[in-house]
Amino acid sequence: MVRVSVFALALALAAAGTARAQTADEKAQAEVLFEQGKKLMSEQRYSEACTKLSESNKLDSGVGTLLFLGECYRLDGRNASAWATFREAESVANRTADPRVKIAQGRAQELEPKLSKLVVEVPTPAEGLAVTRDGAPVSASLYGVEVPVDPGRHVLRAVAPKHEAWETTIDVGKEGARASVTVPKLARLPEPKAAPTGAPAPPPPGRESSGGTQRAIGLGVVGLGVVGLGVGSYLGLRASSQLDDAGPHCGSAGCDQVGFDLKTDARSNANMATAAFVAGGALVVGGAVLYFVAPRRRASVGVGAPGSALGASATVRF
């Protein structure tokens, strides 16, 4: 098998150019990323280079970019990714009658014996089961099938409705390694308890029902009413005082400016006093009603001896 060097591959790619982008802007971005990827490859910074080339291929996919990306994956030790990329390049070249089809085909064939493979076994799949490898879905048609994977650690996760999730990590070796992982039967989650039906349970012994809350609210309302009555009293007294002060400034001919202002303020304070008295009185009455109509706690206490005429118990209202 002929081994194509990176230099020879670069010459072949440069001669043929890259695929046409959908837009001029995408083509420009793809070209910049492609050049950056090639530069990083020459510096042997393969992981960074592959990222750049992958982004370039997303923007403007073509045989040239795919071949460079596949070579980058190979040099980075990701044989499965390289093999899949070369196969994609071969498919594109076949469709477009690109002469580089033989390069892509040869590189893929060269990698096949070096591929590490992983088998995912699912002997008892739960209803709605979904399995992922490194976050990517694993099709049910691939259960029990050897699938090429890059060497290294891979995270397998399985989830299904009403079942506990399962997850494991497996380390797949390099060049021709074989690994297998079995997804166990997922444990079912406990069924949620049904909400209780029927009459609500009585309050615990020694504790008041909602009547205690109502009485507390009633007392609060009464307190506000008392404050209102106090404010009304103060304003009424102030209005009376202002009328007294206006007396010397008023006569049969009327009032001077000072007297006029005092009488105006007195009328205003008298009106506000009336409103405060009305509101305060209403709050006091309403709070009292809330307090006195609140339900009281009932308690059962023994009365008399067993068999007595009064019976074993009686209900006493506190």
Protein backbone atom coordinates (compact mmCIF):
# COMPACT_ATOMS: atom_id res chain seq x y z
CA MET A 1 0.00 0.00 0.00
CA VAL A 2 1.35 3.39 -0.99
CA ARG A 3 1.73 5.78 1.94
CA VAL A 4 0.96 9.36 0.99
CA SER A 5 3.06 11.89 2.91
CA VAL A 6 1.54 15.08 4.25
CA PHE A 7 3.66 17.06 1.79
CA ALA A 8 2.49 15.03 -1.21
CA LEU A 9 -1.08 15.22 0.00
CA ALA A 10 -0.81 19.00 0.31
CA LEU A 11 0.41 19.28 -3.28
CA ALA A 12 -2.48 17.18 -4.54
CA LEU A 13 -4.99 19.24 -2.61
CA ALA A 14 -3.52 22.58 -3.66
CA ALA A 15 -3.77 21.56 -7.29
CA ALA A 16 -7.44 20.70 -7.08
CA GLY A 17 -8.62 23.52 -4.75
CA THR A 18 -11.51 23.41 -2.32
CA ALA A 19 -15.24 22.98 -2.74
CA ARG A 20 -17.48 25.97 -3.47
CA ALA A 21 -19.06 27.57 -0.41
CA GLN A 22 -22.74 28.42 -0.26
CA THR A 23 -21.97 32.12 0.18
CA ALA A 24 -18.94 34.32 -0.34
CA ASP A 25 -18.82 35.10 3.38
CA GLU A 26 -18.85 31.41 4.33
CA LYS A 27 -16.18 30.66 1.76
CA ALA A 28 -13.96 33.42 3.16
CA GLN A 29 -14.37 32.13 6.72
CA ALA A 30 -13.76 28.55 5.62
CA GLU A 31 -10.61 29.57 3.77
CA VAL A 32 -9.20 31.38 6.81
CA LEU A 33 -9.91 28.38 9.06
CA PHE A 34 -8.43 26.01 6.48
CA GLU A 35 -5.17 27.97 6.31
CA GLN A 36 -4.98 28.17 10.10
CA GLY A 37 -5.51 24.42 10.32
CA LYS A 38 -2.70 23.70 7.84
CA LYS A 39 -0.36 25.99 9.76
CA LEU A 40 -1.16 24.29 13.06
CA MET A 41 -0.55 20.90 11.44
CA SER A 42 2.91 22.02 10.30
CA GLU A 43 3.58 22.98 13.94
CA GLN A 44 2.38 19.51 15.04
CA ARG A 45 -0.44 21.06 17.09
CA TYR A 46 -2.83 18.47 15.78
CA SER A 47 -5.71 18.79 18.24
CA GLU A 48 -6.07 22.53 17.55
CA ALA A 49 -5.55 21.99 13.84
CA CYS A 50 -8.33 19.40 13.63
CA THR A 51 -10.76 21.80 15.32
CA LYS A 52 -9.98 24.51 12.77
CA LEU A 53 -10.28 22.14 9.82
CA SER A 54 -13.53 20.69 11.15
CA GLU A 55 -15.06 24.17 11.40
CA SER A 56 -13.81 24.97 7.90
CA ASN A 57 -15.46 21.82 6.57
CA LYS A 58 -18.78 22.72 8.21
CA LEU A 59 -18.76 26.04 6.38
CA ASP A 60 -17.49 24.76 3.03
CA SER A 61 -17.32 20.98 2.76
CA GLY A 62 -15.21 19.51 0.00
CA VAL A 63 -12.84 16.69 -0.83
CA GLY A 64 -9.77 18.80 -0.15
CA THR A 65 -10.79 19.88 3.33
CA LEU A 66 -11.96 16.38 4.19
CA LEU A 67 -8.64 14.85 3.19
CA PHE A 68 -6.68 17.33 5.27
CA LEU A 69 -9.05 16.82 8.21
CA GLY A 70 -8.72 13.02 7.96
CA GLU A 71 -4.94 13.29 7.91
CA CYS A 72 -5.06 15.59 10.93
CA TYR A 73 -7.17 13.07 12.87
CA ARG A 74 -4.73 10.29 11.94
CA LEU A 75 -1.72 12.24 13.15
CA ASP A 76 -3.60 13.07 16.37
CA GLY A 77 -4.15 9.36 17.03
CA ARG A 78 -7.90 9.44 16.36
CA ASN A 79 -7.97 6.62 13.85
CA ALA A 80 -11.75 6.09 13.85
CA SER A 81 -12.41 9.76 13.15
CA ALA A 82 -9.74 9.72 10.44
CA TRP A 83 -11.17 6.58 8.82
CA ALA A 84 -14.72 7.99 8.83
CA THR A 85 -13.51 11.28 7.34
CA PHE A 86 -11.55 9.56 4.57
CA ARG A 87 -14.61 7.46 3.76
CA GLU A 88 -16.69 10.64 3.54
CA ALA A 89 -14.06 12.18 1.24
CA GLU A 90 -14.19 9.05 -0.93
CA SER A 91 -17.98 9.29 -1.19
CA VAL A 92 -17.89 12.98 -2.15
CA ALA A 93 -15.12 12.38 -4.69
CA ASN A 94 -17.10 9.55 -6.29
CA ARG A 95 -20.17 11.77 -6.65
CA THR A 96 -18.19 14.61 -8.18
CA ALA A 97 -15.81 12.47 -10.30
CA ASP A 98 -12.90 13.94 -8.35
CA PRO A 99 -9.57 12.19 -9.15
CA ARG A 100 -8.62 12.29 -5.47
CA VAL A 101 -11.02 9.43 -4.83
CA LYS A 102 -8.08 6.98 -4.89
CA ILE A 103 -6.21 8.98 -2.25
CA ALA A 104 -9.23 8.93 0.08
CA GLN A 105 -9.88 5.24 -0.58
CA GLY A 106 -6.27 4.29 0.04
CA ARG A 107 -6.04 6.21 3.30
CA ALA A 108 -9.26 4.62 4.61
CA GLN A 109 -8.08 1.10 3.70
CA GLU A 110 -4.73 1.72 5.35
CA LEU A 111 -6.45 2.60 8.64
CA GLU A 112 -8.96 -0.27 8.76
CA PRO A 113 -6.71 -2.84 10.51
CA LYS A 114 -5.69 -0.23 13.07
CA LEU A 115 -9.21 0.68 14.16
CA SER A 116 -10.22 0.23 17.80
CA LYS A 117 -13.78 -1.01 18.17
CA LEU A 118 -16.45 -0.95 20.84
CA VAL A 119 -19.52 -3.15 21.22
CA VAL A 120 -22.54 -1.91 23.21
CA GLU A 121 -24.70 -4.81 24.40
CA VAL A 122 -28.27 -4.17 25.58
CA PRO A 123 -29.79 -7.54 26.56
CA THR A 124 -32.89 -6.15 28.34
CA PRO A 125 -33.84 -2.76 26.87
CA ALA A 126 -36.46 -0.83 28.80
CA GLU A 127 -39.35 0.81 26.97
CA GLY A 128 -38.20 4.14 25.56
CA LEU A 129 -34.52 3.37 26.21
CA ALA A 130 -31.99 5.87 24.82
CA VAL A 131 -28.26 5.12 24.86
CA THR A 132 -25.57 7.71 24.18
CA ARG A 133 -21.81 7.51 23.75
CA ASP A 134 -20.00 10.73 24.65
CA GLY A 135 -23.33 12.53 24.30
CA ALA A 136 -24.06 11.20 20.79
CA PRO A 137 -27.02 8.80 20.32
CA VAL A 138 -26.28 5.10 19.76
CA SER A 139 -28.83 3.64 17.35
CA ALA A 140 -30.64 0.52 18.53
CA SER A 141 -29.61 -1.11 15.24
CA LEU A 142 -26.00 -0.91 16.42
CA TYR A 143 -26.55 -2.79 19.70
CA GLY A 144 -24.19 -5.78 19.67
CA VAL A 145 -22.25 -4.46 16.64
CA GLU A 146 -18.54 -3.58 16.62
CA VAL A 147 -18.28 0.14 15.92
CA PRO A 148 -14.98 1.94 15.27
CA VAL A 149 -14.15 4.44 18.02
CA ASP A 150 -11.18 6.61 18.77
CA PRO A 151 -8.82 5.25 21.45
CA GLY A 152 -9.30 6.62 24.95
CA ARG A 153 -12.07 7.05 27.49
CA HIS A 154 -15.72 6.99 26.41
CA VAL A 155 -18.81 7.72 28.54
CA LEU A 156 -21.85 5.48 28.00
CA ARG A 157 -25.21 6.59 29.39
CA ALA A 158 -28.64 4.97 29.27
CA VAL A 159 -31.96 6.58 30.20
CA ALA A 160 -35.60 5.53 29.97
CA PRO A 161 -38.89 6.94 31.26
CA LYS A 162 -39.73 5.90 34.85
CA HIS A 163 -36.29 4.30 35.25
CA GLU A 164 -33.08 5.29 36.98
CA ALA A 165 -30.36 6.52 34.62
CA TRP A 166 -27.21 4.43 34.20
CA GLU A 167 -23.73 5.63 33.26
CA THR A 168 -20.26 4.16 32.96
CA THR A 169 -16.86 5.06 31.51
CA ILE A 170 -14.79 2.64 29.46
CA ASP A 171 -11.21 3.00 28.25
CA VAL A 172 -10.63 1.67 24.73
CA GLY A 173 -7.04 0.84 23.79
CA LYS A 174 -5.10 1.83 20.68
CA GLU A 175 -4.71 0.23 17.22
CA GLY A 176 -6.91 -2.80 16.88
CA ALA A 177 -8.18 -2.92 20.48
CA ARG A 178 -11.58 -4.46 21.16
CA ALA A 179 -13.85 -3.46 24.05
CA SER A 180 -17.38 -4.28 25.10
CA VAL A 181 -19.84 -2.76 27.54
CA THR A 182 -23.20 -4.15 28.64
CA VAL A 183 -26.06 -1.87 29.60
CA PRO A 184 -27.76 -3.52 32.60
CA LYS A 185 -31.48 -3.71 33.18
CA LEU A 186 -32.44 -0.27 34.44
CA ALA A 187 -34.02 -0.09 37.87
CA ARG A 188 -37.54 1.30 37.93
CA LEU A 189 -38.20 4.47 39.87
CA PRO A 190 -40.73 4.15 42.74
CA GLU A 191 -44.26 5.09 41.79
CA PRO A 192 -45.33 8.47 43.22
CA LYS A 193 -47.69 8.16 46.17
CA ALA A 194 -51.28 9.09 45.43
CA ALA A 195 -52.62 12.18 47.14
CA PRO A 196 -54.83 11.31 50.15
CA THR A 197 -58.58 11.54 49.57
CA GLY A 198 -61.53 12.10 51.88
CA ALA A 199 -61.97 14.56 54.72
CA PRO A 200 -58.87 16.43 55.91
CA ALA A 201 -57.22 15.12 59.03
CA PRO A 202 -58.12 16.95 62.25
CA PRO A 203 -55.45 19.21 63.76
CA PRO A 204 -53.02 17.47 66.14
CA PRO A 205 -54.07 17.37 69.81
CA GLY A 206 -53.08 20.42 71.79
CA ARG A 207 -52.92 22.65 68.68
CA GLU A 208 -55.53 25.13 67.53
CA SER A 209 -57.26 25.04 64.19
CA SER A 210 -57.42 28.03 61.85
CA GLY A 211 -59.58 29.80 64.48
CA GLY A 212 -56.41 30.94 66.23
CA THR A 213 -55.23 32.67 63.09
CA GLN A 214 -58.61 34.34 62.62
CA ARG A 215 -58.60 35.65 66.20
CA ALA A 216 -55.07 37.02 65.73
CA ILE A 217 -56.21 38.83 62.58
CA GLY A 218 -59.26 40.16 64.42
CA LEU A 219 -57.08 41.59 67.19
CA GLY A 220 -54.82 43.19 64.58
CA VAL A 221 -57.81 44.82 62.88
CA VAL A 222 -59.09 46.11 66.24
CA GLY A 223 -55.65 47.58 66.90
CA LEU A 224 -55.76 49.44 63.59
CA GLY A 225 -59.22 50.74 64.45
CA VAL A 226 -58.01 52.05 67.80
CA VAL A 227 -55.19 53.86 66.00
CA GLY A 228 -57.74 55.38 63.62
CA LEU A 229 -59.88 56.58 66.55
CA GLY A 230 -56.80 58.10 68.15
CA VAL A 231 -55.91 59.94 64.96
CA GLY A 232 -59.53 61.17 64.67
CA SER A 233 -59.44 62.44 68.27
CA TYR A 234 -56.20 64.32 67.68
CA LEU A 235 -57.49 65.95 64.50
CA GLY A 236 -60.77 66.89 66.16
CA LEU A 237 -58.97 68.54 69.07
CA ARG A 238 -56.68 70.37 66.65
CA ALA A 239 -59.67 71.63 64.64
CA SER A 240 -61.33 72.90 67.82
CA SER A 241 -58.12 74.65 68.87
CA GLN A 242 -57.78 76.31 65.48
CA LEU A 243 -61.35 77.63 65.68
CA ASP A 244 -60.59 79.10 69.08
CA ASP A 245 -57.45 80.74 67.73
CA ALA A 246 -59.40 82.22 64.80
CA GLY A 247 -61.87 84.00 67.13
CA PRO A 248 -59.78 87.13 67.77
CA HIS A 249 -59.19 87.51 64.04
CA CYS A 250 -62.86 87.43 63.06
CA GLY A 251 -65.66 89.91 63.63
CA SER A 252 -69.02 90.95 62.23
CA ALA A 253 -67.30 92.23 59.11
CA GLY A 254 -65.58 88.91 58.54
CA CYS A 255 -62.08 87.51 59.23
CA ASP A 256 -58.66 88.77 58.35
CA GLN A 257 -56.24 86.55 56.45
CA VAL A 258 -54.95 84.79 59.59
CA GLY A 259 -58.45 84.04 60.78
CA PHE A 260 -59.50 82.86 57.35
CA ASP A 261 -56.51 80.44 57.16
CA LEU A 262 -57.14 79.10 60.66
CA LYS A 263 -60.81 78.43 59.90
CA THR A 264 -59.89 76.73 56.61
CA ASP A 265 -57.38 74.46 58.37
CA ALA A 266 -59.92 73.76 61.11
CA ARG A 267 -62.54 72.63 58.58
CA SER A 268 -59.97 70.39 56.84
CA ASN A 269 -58.86 68.79 60.10
CA ALA A 270 -62.48 68.33 61.16
CA ASN A 271 -63.25 66.49 57.92
CA MET A 272 -60.24 64.24 58.32
CA ALA A 273 -61.15 63.61 61.95
CA THR A 274 -64.62 62.52 60.88
CA ALA A 275 -63.15 60.13 58.29
CA ALA A 276 -60.68 58.73 60.81
CA PHE A 277 -63.48 58.19 63.38
CA VAL A 278 -65.64 56.38 60.81
CA ALA A 279 -62.79 54.17 59.56
CA GLY A 280 -61.48 53.46 63.04
CA GLY A 281 -64.93 52.55 64.31
CA ALA A 282 -65.53 50.23 61.37
CA LEU A 283 -62.19 48.50 61.94
CA VAL A 284 -62.86 48.03 65.63
CA VAL A 285 -66.29 46.51 64.95
CA GLY A 286 -64.99 44.32 62.12
CA GLY A 287 -62.04 43.10 64.15
CA ALA A 288 -64.27 42.27 67.08
CA VAL A 289 -66.57 40.26 64.82
CA LEU A 290 -63.61 38.32 63.42
CA TYR A 291 -62.37 37.57 66.90
CA PHE A 292 -65.63 36.42 68.43
CA VAL A 293 -66.87 34.30 65.49
CA ALA A 294 -63.56 32.39 65.11
CA PRO A 295 -63.97 28.64 65.73
CA ARG A 296 -62.68 27.29 69.01
CA ARG A 297 -60.66 24.14 69.48
CA ARG A 298 -62.61 21.12 70.65
CA ALA A 299 -61.14 18.56 73.00
CA SER A 300 -62.49 15.27 74.27
CA VAL A 301 -62.11 14.62 77.99
CA GLY A 302 -63.25 11.73 80.09
CA VAL A 303 -66.36 12.30 82.20
CA GLY A 304 -67.42 9.78 84.75
CA ALA A 305 -66.44 6.16 85.08
CA PRO A 306 -67.05 3.56 82.37
CA GLY A 307 -70.68 2.50 82.43
CA SER A 308 -71.84 5.58 84.26
CA ALA A 309 -74.97 7.43 83.19
CA LEU A 310 -72.88 10.24 81.67
CA GLY A 311 -70.97 7.89 79.36
CA ALA A 312 -67.24 7.61 78.71
CA SER A 313 -66.57 11.04 77.18
CA ALA A 314 -68.06 14.41 76.42
CA THR A 315 -67.10 17.25 74.13
CA VAL A 316 -66.08 20.45 75.88
CA ARG A 317 -65.71 23.75 73.96
CA PHE A 318 -62.95 26.07 75.19
